[in-house]
């Protein structure tokens, strides 16, 4: 089975919710929709499932339009972040319900439910009602119901958000394998760049209802085609500034300028947009980092063994990732230093001109 969205758009009144999206998903593939809240991920999934119809464009399965095919006749399973279970049915019956509707033999139903409940750690809860479960257990029940259907298209809309960290890590690894073994097209929506990197496969970045880039997940992370794709694939947000290159000098965000060859070697005069990720924004003296931007600490966020230091540089706020636990006081002077080899350079229209040198990123060994 293949699923294709061909120039799909969806409007509500004068508002464009999905804007001219074209995507192709092949059998047995892992596909990630990555974008911030309200980027259009859930709407796009509803269009794939047939729950909504596009204002224009087409949805095709194996090259044939399915716009007129009702949802019940499609081989689709969908799990939302806000799980839906039947409150009067036990966990076992919730999972088995689509199989009973399909008229499968009792032995096959029992086997599929047992397999799914084992993978999703639901064996101890099969006789309970949803009201007797935690939010994470209810979410796993909804995922199990999708898993047992052996649908050709499975749509998972931020399905692990309600689970504890350890179980999320395990299921991120297991779910793609499980669905790939059945030849299913798996489409997984997330707001988290780290989750996209861990899942791998192919990623489509979404920004304000548009697909800004599609490709192998590590490649999209390393070389975003435009500044919108780079923003989607950066968490905390991408640090940015604009510079004007004129002759031998390039302007800096707080005024003044710098030798153009230090910042933008071998580029023609013009306006450029510079972006760099938090792990490349170094605090303090860094050997080989000629770009230094003084400022004041605004806030420090401690996240496990890492600290995110937000620095007010006058023209905006940048974020630096510092390993270890640090207690930087608000208002304390600090300096962000950048190695020019680690910056993204975009032209005035936001198209990528130059990507940083490839290296292993902190988020995944894949990149």
Protein backbone atom coordinates (compact mmCIF):
# COMPACT_ATOMS: atom_id res chain seq x y z
CA UNK A 1 0.00 0.00 0.00
CA UNK A 2 1.11 3.57 -0.67
CA UNK A 3 -0.58 6.74 0.55
CA UNK A 4 -0.20 10.03 -1.30
CA UNK A 5 -1.36 13.52 -0.49
CA UNK A 6 -1.28 15.51 -3.70
CA UNK A 7 -1.44 19.33 -3.42
CA UNK A 8 -3.82 19.07 -0.47
CA UNK A 9 -5.19 22.28 1.05
CA UNK A 10 -7.82 22.89 3.69
CA UNK A 11 -9.46 26.25 4.38
CA UNK A 12 -11.88 27.40 7.05
CA UNK A 13 -13.43 30.58 5.76
CA UNK A 14 -10.55 32.78 4.69
CA UNK A 15 -8.06 30.97 6.93
CA UNK A 16 -5.69 28.43 5.39
CA UNK A 17 -5.25 25.50 7.79
CA UNK A 18 -3.28 23.24 5.42
CA UNK A 19 -1.53 24.87 2.47
CA UNK A 20 -0.67 22.85 -0.68
CA UNK A 21 0.82 19.79 1.02
CA UNK A 22 2.22 16.91 -1.06
CA UNK A 23 3.52 13.79 0.70
CA UNK A 24 4.09 10.17 -0.27
CA UNK A 25 4.22 7.30 2.24
CA UNK A 26 5.22 3.77 1.26
CA UNK A 27 4.37 0.41 2.83
CA UNK A 28 6.35 -0.51 5.94
CA UNK A 29 7.80 2.97 6.53
CA UNK A 30 8.22 5.08 9.65
CA UNK A 31 7.15 8.68 9.03
CA UNK A 32 7.27 11.61 11.47
CA UNK A 33 5.26 14.83 11.29
CA UNK A 34 7.28 17.32 13.33
CA UNK A 35 5.95 20.76 14.16
CA UNK A 36 4.86 23.04 16.98
CA UNK A 37 1.34 23.13 18.37
CA UNK A 38 -1.16 24.35 15.73
CA UNK A 39 1.24 23.62 12.87
CA UNK A 40 -1.40 21.36 11.28
CA UNK A 41 -0.24 17.87 12.28
CA UNK A 42 -3.57 16.58 13.61
CA UNK A 43 -5.51 18.16 10.73
CA UNK A 44 -3.18 16.51 8.23
CA UNK A 45 -3.72 13.13 9.90
CA UNK A 46 -7.49 13.57 9.79
CA UNK A 47 -7.21 14.24 6.07
CA UNK A 48 -5.15 11.04 5.65
CA UNK A 49 -7.71 9.03 7.60
CA UNK A 50 -10.69 10.43 5.70
CA UNK A 51 -12.22 12.08 8.76
CA UNK A 52 -11.99 15.43 6.94
CA UNK A 53 -12.00 16.26 3.24
CA UNK A 54 -9.59 18.75 1.69
CA UNK A 55 -10.80 21.98 0.14
CA UNK A 56 -8.58 21.16 -2.84
CA UNK A 57 -6.12 18.46 -3.85
CA UNK A 58 -6.42 14.69 -3.60
CA UNK A 59 -5.68 11.76 -1.28
CA UNK A 60 -4.70 8.56 -3.08
CA UNK A 61 -4.12 4.96 -1.98
CA UNK A 62 -2.07 2.92 -4.44
CA UNK A 63 -2.61 5.70 -6.97
CA UNK A 64 -6.42 5.73 -6.66
CA UNK A 65 -8.35 8.62 -5.10
CA UNK A 66 -10.09 7.70 -1.84
CA UNK A 67 -11.86 11.01 -1.20
CA UNK A 68 -15.23 9.31 -1.70
CA UNK A 69 -14.35 6.19 0.31
CA UNK A 70 -15.90 6.29 3.82
CA UNK A 71 -13.63 5.88 6.83
CA UNK A 72 -15.15 2.53 7.83
CA UNK A 73 -14.04 1.04 4.52
CA UNK A 74 -10.45 2.17 4.92
CA UNK A 75 -7.75 0.17 6.69
CA UNK A 76 -6.86 2.93 9.15
CA UNK A 77 -6.19 3.12 12.88
CA UNK A 78 -5.65 6.41 14.69
CA UNK A 79 -4.60 7.22 18.26
CA UNK A 80 -4.86 10.75 19.61
CA UNK A 81 -2.90 12.28 22.47
CA UNK A 82 -6.26 12.58 24.21
CA UNK A 83 -7.04 8.87 24.36
CA UNK A 84 -10.55 7.51 23.76
CA UNK A 85 -11.68 4.23 25.39
CA UNK A 86 -15.08 2.67 25.94
CA UNK A 87 -15.81 3.35 29.65
CA UNK A 88 -18.12 0.34 30.13
CA UNK A 89 -15.68 -2.19 28.62
CA UNK A 90 -12.71 -3.81 30.31
CA UNK A 91 -9.23 -3.22 28.98
CA UNK A 92 -9.39 -6.62 27.27
CA UNK A 93 -12.69 -5.79 25.57
CA UNK A 94 -11.50 -2.30 24.59
CA UNK A 95 -8.52 -3.83 22.80
CA UNK A 96 -10.58 -6.61 21.27
CA UNK A 97 -13.48 -4.41 20.14
CA UNK A 98 -12.32 -3.70 16.54
CA UNK A 99 -11.54 -7.40 16.07
CA UNK A 100 -15.03 -8.44 17.21
CA UNK A 101 -16.56 -5.91 14.82
CA UNK A 102 -14.43 -7.40 12.03
CA UNK A 103 -15.73 -10.89 12.92
CA UNK A 104 -12.35 -12.49 13.61
CA UNK A 105 -12.27 -15.97 15.20
CA UNK A 106 -12.03 -16.10 18.98
CA UNK A 107 -8.58 -17.72 18.93
CA UNK A 108 -7.19 -14.98 16.67
CA UNK A 109 -8.68 -12.27 18.88
CA UNK A 110 -7.13 -13.78 21.99
CA UNK A 111 -3.74 -14.06 20.32
CA UNK A 112 -3.68 -10.47 19.07
CA UNK A 113 -4.87 -9.06 22.39
CA UNK A 114 -2.27 -11.11 24.28
CA UNK A 115 0.53 -9.96 21.96
CA UNK A 116 -0.45 -6.28 22.21
CA UNK A 117 -1.00 -6.31 25.97
CA UNK A 118 2.39 -7.93 26.52
CA UNK A 119 4.22 -5.31 24.44
CA UNK A 120 2.38 -2.43 26.11
CA UNK A 121 2.69 -3.82 29.65
CA UNK A 122 -1.08 -4.17 30.09
CA UNK A 123 -1.32 -7.81 31.25
CA UNK A 124 -2.10 -6.92 34.90
CA UNK A 125 -4.95 -4.59 33.90
CA UNK A 126 -6.94 -6.59 31.34
CA UNK A 127 -9.95 -7.07 33.66
CA UNK A 128 -10.10 -3.45 34.77
CA UNK A 129 -12.37 -0.68 33.48
CA UNK A 130 -10.78 2.49 32.07
CA UNK A 131 -11.86 4.50 35.13
CA UNK A 132 -9.64 2.23 37.25
CA UNK A 133 -6.55 3.06 35.18
CA UNK A 134 -4.03 5.88 35.22
CA UNK A 135 -3.86 8.23 32.26
CA UNK A 136 -0.79 6.43 30.93
CA UNK A 137 -2.46 3.02 31.21
CA UNK A 138 -5.51 4.32 29.34
CA UNK A 139 -3.26 5.70 26.60
CA UNK A 140 -1.53 2.33 26.26
CA UNK A 141 -4.95 0.69 25.93
CA UNK A 142 -5.79 2.99 23.04
CA UNK A 143 -2.44 2.21 21.37
CA UNK A 144 -3.02 -1.53 21.84
CA UNK A 145 -6.41 -1.24 20.14
CA UNK A 146 -4.73 0.34 17.14
CA UNK A 147 -1.97 -2.28 17.14
CA UNK A 148 -4.31 -5.32 17.05
CA UNK A 149 -6.19 -4.07 13.99
CA UNK A 150 -3.17 -4.72 11.74
CA UNK A 151 -4.32 -1.69 9.75
CA UNK A 152 -2.42 -0.68 6.62
CA UNK A 153 -2.22 2.92 7.87
CA UNK A 154 -1.63 3.75 11.54
CA UNK A 155 -1.73 7.39 12.64
CA UNK A 156 -0.29 8.19 16.07
CA UNK A 157 -0.88 11.76 17.24
CA UNK A 158 1.59 12.42 20.09
CA UNK A 159 0.64 9.02 21.57
CA UNK A 160 3.34 8.81 24.25
CA UNK A 161 2.84 12.23 25.85
CA UNK A 162 1.02 10.79 28.89
CA UNK A 163 3.50 8.00 29.62
CA UNK A 164 6.37 8.01 32.08
CA UNK A 165 9.87 8.63 30.73
CA UNK A 166 11.16 5.05 30.87
CA UNK A 167 8.14 3.59 29.11
CA UNK A 168 8.27 6.34 26.45
CA UNK A 169 11.86 5.41 25.70
CA UNK A 170 11.00 1.72 25.37
CA UNK A 171 7.97 2.27 23.15
CA UNK A 172 9.77 4.71 20.87
CA UNK A 173 12.06 1.84 20.04
CA UNK A 174 9.42 -0.90 19.91
CA UNK A 175 6.51 0.72 18.06
CA UNK A 176 8.26 1.30 14.70
CA UNK A 177 9.48 -2.31 14.71
CA UNK A 178 6.04 -3.70 15.52
CA UNK A 179 4.23 -1.82 12.80
CA UNK A 180 6.99 -2.30 10.22
CA UNK A 181 6.75 -6.08 10.71
CA UNK A 182 3.14 -5.95 9.45
CA UNK A 183 3.98 -3.73 6.46
CA UNK A 184 2.02 -0.86 7.99
CA UNK A 185 2.52 2.78 7.03
CA UNK A 186 3.20 4.44 10.38
CA UNK A 187 2.74 8.21 10.68
CA UNK A 188 3.72 9.68 14.02
CA UNK A 189 3.09 13.30 15.01
CA UNK A 190 5.24 15.04 17.60
CA UNK A 191 6.28 18.50 18.73
CA UNK A 192 9.64 17.22 20.02
CA UNK A 193 12.75 17.23 17.79
CA UNK A 194 14.45 14.75 20.12
CA UNK A 195 11.58 12.29 19.67
CA UNK A 196 11.80 12.61 15.88
CA UNK A 197 15.53 11.84 16.00
CA UNK A 198 14.97 8.81 18.21
CA UNK A 199 12.25 7.45 15.93
CA UNK A 200 14.32 7.95 12.77
CA UNK A 201 12.70 7.12 9.43
CA UNK A 202 11.49 10.06 7.36
CA UNK A 203 10.52 13.41 8.84
CA UNK A 204 8.28 16.11 7.38
CA UNK A 205 8.62 19.45 9.16
CA UNK A 206 5.44 21.53 9.43
CA UNK A 207 5.22 25.26 9.96
CA UNK A 208 1.90 27.14 9.91
CA UNK A 209 0.11 24.51 7.83
CA UNK A 210 2.91 24.07 5.30
CA UNK A 211 5.39 21.24 4.88
CA UNK A 212 8.75 22.99 4.85
CA UNK A 213 10.93 19.92 4.22
CA UNK A 214 10.74 16.13 3.84
CA UNK A 215 13.62 13.70 4.04
CA UNK A 216 15.55 11.20 6.14
CA UNK A 217 15.31 12.45 9.71
CA UNK A 218 19.06 12.92 10.35
CA UNK A 219 19.47 14.77 7.03
CA UNK A 220 16.64 17.18 7.80
CA UNK A 221 18.20 17.86 11.20
CA UNK A 222 21.67 18.45 9.79
CA UNK A 223 20.67 20.48 6.72
CA UNK A 224 17.27 22.17 7.09
CA UNK A 225 16.27 23.50 3.68
CA UNK A 226 15.08 26.80 5.13
CA UNK A 227 14.90 28.74 8.36
CA UNK A 228 11.38 27.48 9.15
CA UNK A 229 12.55 23.86 9.03
CA UNK A 230 15.51 24.78 11.25
CA UNK A 231 13.17 26.41 13.76
CA UNK A 232 10.93 23.34 13.85
CA UNK A 233 13.93 21.08 14.42
CA UNK A 234 15.41 23.15 17.28
CA UNK A 235 14.30 22.86 20.90
CA UNK A 236 14.96 25.18 22.74
CA UNK A 237 14.34 27.62 19.89
CA UNK A 238 17.01 28.39 17.32
CA UNK A 239 19.18 31.37 18.24
CA UNK A 240 18.99 33.89 15.39
CA UNK A 241 20.25 37.24 14.16
CA UNK A 242 20.40 39.14 10.86
CA UNK A 243 23.60 40.50 9.36
CA UNK A 244 24.37 42.65 6.34
CA UNK A 245 27.51 41.71 4.42
CA UNK A 246 29.11 44.59 2.59
CA UNK A 247 32.62 44.28 1.25
CA UNK A 248 35.04 43.15 3.95
CA UNK A 249 32.68 43.78 6.91
CA UNK A 250 29.52 42.16 8.31
CA UNK A 251 27.21 43.86 10.83
CA UNK A 252 26.53 42.44 14.30
CA UNK A 253 23.19 42.43 16.17
CA UNK A 254 24.24 44.89 18.90
CA UNK A 255 25.87 47.31 16.50
CA UNK A 256 29.38 47.41 15.11
CA UNK A 257 30.76 44.95 12.63
CA UNK A 258 33.23 42.13 12.12
CA UNK A 259 35.58 40.87 9.44
CA UNK A 260 33.30 39.26 6.87
CA UNK A 261 35.67 36.33 6.35
CA UNK A 262 35.34 35.44 10.04
CA UNK A 263 31.57 35.17 9.83
CA UNK A 264 30.57 34.57 6.21
CA UNK A 265 33.62 33.49 4.21
CA UNK A 266 33.32 33.44 0.43
CA UNK A 267 29.75 34.77 0.25
CA UNK A 268 28.55 37.69 -1.90
CA UNK A 269 27.31 40.94 -0.40
CA UNK A 270 23.74 40.89 0.88
CA UNK A 271 21.47 40.36 3.87
CA UNK A 272 21.81 37.01 5.65
CA UNK A 273 19.99 35.36 8.52
CA UNK A 274 22.19 33.48 10.97
CA UNK A 275 20.98 30.63 13.18
CA UNK A 276 22.73 28.40 15.68
CA UNK A 277 21.50 25.74 18.09
CA UNK A 278 21.81 25.90 21.87
CA UNK A 279 24.58 23.30 22.04
CA UNK A 280 26.73 25.55 19.81
CA UNK A 281 26.22 28.66 21.95
CA UNK A 282 29.13 28.42 24.38
CA UNK A 283 29.36 30.42 27.59
CA UNK A 284 32.77 31.81 28.50
CA UNK A 285 36.06 31.55 26.65
CA UNK A 286 36.09 28.95 23.88
CA UNK A 287 39.23 28.32 21.88
CA UNK A 288 38.65 28.90 18.17
CA UNK A 289 35.40 30.84 18.66
CA UNK A 290 36.05 34.40 17.43
CA UNK A 291 32.44 35.58 17.72
CA UNK A 292 31.63 36.85 21.22
CA UNK A 293 28.36 38.43 22.34
CA UNK A 294 28.20 39.89 25.88
CA UNK A 295 24.94 40.00 27.77
CA UNK A 296 23.17 39.30 31.03
CA UNK A 297 21.61 36.10 32.35
CA UNK A 298 17.81 36.25 32.20
CA UNK A 299 16.94 32.82 33.61
CA UNK A 300 18.51 29.38 34.03
CA UNK A 301 16.56 26.16 33.48
CA UNK A 302 18.05 23.02 35.02
CA UNK A 303 17.10 19.85 33.15
CA UNK A 304 18.66 16.74 34.64
CA UNK A 305 22.39 16.90 33.99
CA UNK A 306 22.05 19.96 31.72
CA UNK A 307 21.34 23.63 32.23
CA UNK A 308 19.76 25.98 29.69
CA UNK A 309 21.01 29.52 30.28
CA UNK A 310 18.89 32.28 28.69
CA UNK A 311 21.02 35.32 27.95
CA UNK A 312 19.70 38.81 27.16
CA UNK A 313 22.08 40.26 24.56
CA UNK A 314 20.16 43.52 24.09
CA UNK A 315 18.69 42.76 20.67
CA UNK A 316 16.99 39.59 21.93
CA UNK A 317 17.39 36.52 24.10
CA UNK A 318 19.61 33.58 23.21
CA UNK A 319 19.90 30.22 24.93
CA UNK A 320 23.06 28.25 25.71
CA UNK A 321 23.23 24.60 26.72
CA UNK A 322 25.70 23.99 29.54
CA UNK A 323 26.46 20.47 30.77
CA UNK A 324 26.01 20.01 34.50
CA UNK A 325 23.87 21.81 37.06
CA UNK A 326 24.61 25.55 37.21
CA UNK A 327 23.00 28.31 39.23
CA UNK A 328 23.51 31.39 37.09
CA UNK A 329 21.85 34.34 38.83
CA UNK A 330 19.54 36.64 36.82
CA UNK A 331 21.40 39.80 35.85
CA UNK A 332 24.83 38.19 36.05
CA UNK A 333 27.14 39.18 33.16
CA UNK A 334 27.95 36.41 30.70
CA UNK A 335 29.16 36.01 27.17
CA UNK A 336 28.04 33.71 24.36
CA UNK A 337 30.78 32.63 21.97
CA UNK A 338 30.15 30.95 18.63
CA UNK A 339 32.36 29.00 16.29
CA UNK A 340 31.44 30.25 12.77
CA UNK A 341 31.78 26.66 11.52
CA UNK A 342 28.72 25.77 13.65
CA UNK A 343 26.25 28.32 12.27
CA UNK A 344 23.45 27.98 9.74
CA UNK A 345 23.43 30.70 7.08
CA UNK A 346 20.19 31.53 5.30
CA UNK A 347 19.59 34.12 2.62
CA UNK A 348 17.18 37.03 3.09
CA UNK A 349 14.28 34.84 1.95
CA UNK A 350 15.14 32.15 4.51
CA UNK A 351 16.64 29.53 2.16
CA UNK A 352 19.66 27.60 3.41
CA UNK A 353 22.98 28.86 2.07
CA UNK A 354 25.37 26.99 4.34
CA UNK A 355 24.95 24.31 7.04
CA UNK A 356 27.33 23.63 9.95
CA UNK A 357 29.99 20.98 9.63
CA UNK A 358 28.49 17.51 10.24
CA UNK A 359 29.09 16.01 13.65
CA UNK A 360 27.39 13.86 16.28
CA UNK A 361 24.71 15.91 17.99
CA UNK A 362 23.79 15.51 21.64
CA UNK A 363 20.26 14.34 20.82
CA UNK A 364 21.06 11.25 18.80
CA UNK A 365 23.91 9.14 17.50
CA UNK A 366 22.12 9.23 14.17
CA UNK A 367 23.06 12.83 13.38
